[in-house]
Amino acid sequence: MISVLGLKLETAQSRLAEAGYTVRVCRVSPKKGESGGDVRVVRQTKEADGGVLLTVSGFVTELFE
């Protein structure tokens, strides 16, 4: 399986789909609730059915918003 850790969600989904994987997404957020707009893959798990579960979280990438 190809690694998509750190990639933007859209990029990760398209790369895995091109490789023939079915993709599911689980979004997590920090305890403080300060979720940013740049959604990136923080974990990927190969599932029993051969698909991939991507865990994603939003990151603040602009320092002065």
C-alpha atoms as a PDB file:
ATOM      1  CA  MET A   1       0.000   0.000   0.000  1.00  0.00           C
ATOM      2  CA  ILE A   2       1.254   3.473  -0.800  1.00  0.00           C
ATOM      3  CA  SER A   3       1.767   5.922   2.053  1.00  0.00           C
ATOM      4  CA  VAL A   4      -0.333   9.089   2.013  1.00  0.00           C
ATOM      5  CA  LEU A   5       0.526  10.343   5.504  1.00  0.00           C
ATOM      6  CA  GLY A   6       0.701  14.133   5.685  1.00  0.00           C
ATOM      7  CA  LEU A   7      -1.016  14.675   2.346  1.00  0.00           C
ATOM      8  CA  LYS A   8      -4.114  16.793   1.866  1.00  0.00           C
ATOM      9  CA  LEU A   9      -7.266  14.677   1.987  1.00  0.00           C
ATOM     10  CA  GLU A  10      -8.216  15.216  -1.656  1.00  0.00           C
ATOM     11  CA  THR A  11      -4.739  14.251  -2.873  1.00  0.00           C
ATOM     12  CA  ALA A  12      -4.641  11.152  -0.669  1.00  0.00           C
ATOM     13  CA  GLN A  13      -8.083   9.989  -1.799  1.00  0.00           C
ATOM     14  CA  SER A  14      -7.262  10.365  -5.483  1.00  0.00           C
ATOM     15  CA  ARG A  15      -3.909   8.541  -5.188  1.00  0.00           C
ATOM     16  CA  LEU A  16      -5.468   5.617  -3.341  1.00  0.00           C
ATOM     17  CA  ALA A  17      -8.440   5.451  -5.715  1.00  0.00           C
ATOM     18  CA  GLU A  18      -6.051   5.385  -8.698  1.00  0.00           C
ATOM     19  CA  ALA A  19      -4.262   2.451  -7.032  1.00  0.00           C
ATOM     20  CA  GLY A  20      -7.591   0.596  -6.739  1.00  0.00           C
ATOM     21  CA  TYR A  21      -8.353   1.067  -3.043  1.00  0.00           C
ATOM     22  CA  THR A  22     -11.752   1.888  -1.563  1.00  0.00           C
ATOM     23  CA  VAL A  23     -11.316   4.818   0.832  1.00  0.00           C
ATOM     24  CA  ARG A  24     -13.205   5.636   4.029  1.00  0.00           C
ATOM     25  CA  VAL A  25     -12.543   8.804   6.046  1.00  0.00           C
ATOM     26  CA  CYS A  26     -12.702   9.482   9.782  1.00  0.00           C
ATOM     27  CA  ARG A  27     -12.188  13.085  10.890  1.00  0.00           C
ATOM     28  CA  VAL A  28     -10.777  13.888  14.337  1.00  0.00           C
ATOM     29  CA  SER A  29     -10.380  17.237  16.058  1.00  0.00           C
ATOM     30  CA  PRO A  30      -8.229  18.514  18.918  1.00  0.00           C
ATOM     31  CA  LYS A  31      -9.605  18.793  22.457  1.00  0.00           C
ATOM     32  CA  LYS A  32      -9.382  22.582  22.354  1.00  0.00           C
ATOM     33  CA  GLY A  33     -11.600  22.679  19.294  1.00  0.00           C
ATOM     34  CA  GLU A  34      -9.209  24.830  17.286  1.00  0.00           C
ATOM     35  CA  SER A  35      -9.504  22.885  14.073  1.00  0.00           C
ATOM     36  CA  GLY A  36      -7.869  24.451  11.050  1.00  0.00           C
ATOM     37  CA  GLY A  37      -8.909  24.445   7.446  1.00  0.00           C
ATOM     38  CA  ASP A  38      -6.060  22.443   5.916  1.00  0.00           C
ATOM     39  CA  VAL A  39      -7.277  18.830   6.279  1.00  0.00           C
ATOM     40  CA  ARG A  40      -4.427  16.305   6.168  1.00  0.00           C
ATOM     41  CA  VAL A  41      -4.001  12.559   6.730  1.00  0.00           C
ATOM     42  CA  VAL A  42      -2.665  11.713  10.201  1.00  0.00           C
ATOM     43  CA  ARG A  43      -3.188   7.920  10.067  1.00  0.00           C
ATOM     44  CA  GLN A  44      -3.929   5.308   7.443  1.00  0.00           C
ATOM     45  CA  THR A  45      -5.101   1.792   8.171  1.00  0.00           C
ATOM     46  CA  LYS A  46      -5.605  -1.083   5.746  1.00  0.00           C
ATOM     47  CA  GLU A  47      -8.925  -2.748   6.491  1.00  0.00           C
ATOM     48  CA  ALA A  48      -9.852  -6.430   6.324  1.00  0.00           C
ATOM     49  CA  ASP A  49     -11.880  -5.911   3.137  1.00  0.00           C
ATOM     50  CA  GLY A  50      -8.816  -4.455   1.378  1.00  0.00           C
ATOM     51  CA  GLY A  51      -9.968  -0.844   1.664  1.00  0.00           C
ATOM     52  CA  VAL A  52      -8.182   1.954   3.459  1.00  0.00           C
ATOM     53  CA  LEU A  53      -9.379   4.008   6.425  1.00  0.00           C
ATOM     54  CA  LEU A  54      -7.895   7.504   6.489  1.00  0.00           C
ATOM     55  CA  THR A  55      -7.953   9.443   9.741  1.00  0.00           C
ATOM     56  CA  VAL A  56      -7.716  13.161   9.035  1.00  0.00           C
ATOM     57  CA  SER A  57      -7.467  16.348  11.060  1.00  0.00           C
ATOM     58  CA  GLY A  58      -7.540  20.047  10.262  1.00  0.00           C
ATOM     59  CA  PHE A  59      -4.381  22.067  10.706  1.00  0.00           C
ATOM     60  CA  VAL A  60      -3.855  25.801  10.871  1.00  0.00           C
ATOM     61  CA  THR A  61      -1.234  26.484   8.222  1.00  0.00           C
ATOM     62  CA  GLU A  62      -1.556  30.278   8.143  1.00  0.00           C
ATOM     63  CA  LEU A  63       0.163  31.901  11.123  1.00  0.00           C
ATOM     64  CA  PHE A  64      -1.775  35.164  10.964  1.00  0.00           C
ATOM     65  CA  GLU A  65      -5.410  34.552  10.125  1.00  0.00           C
END
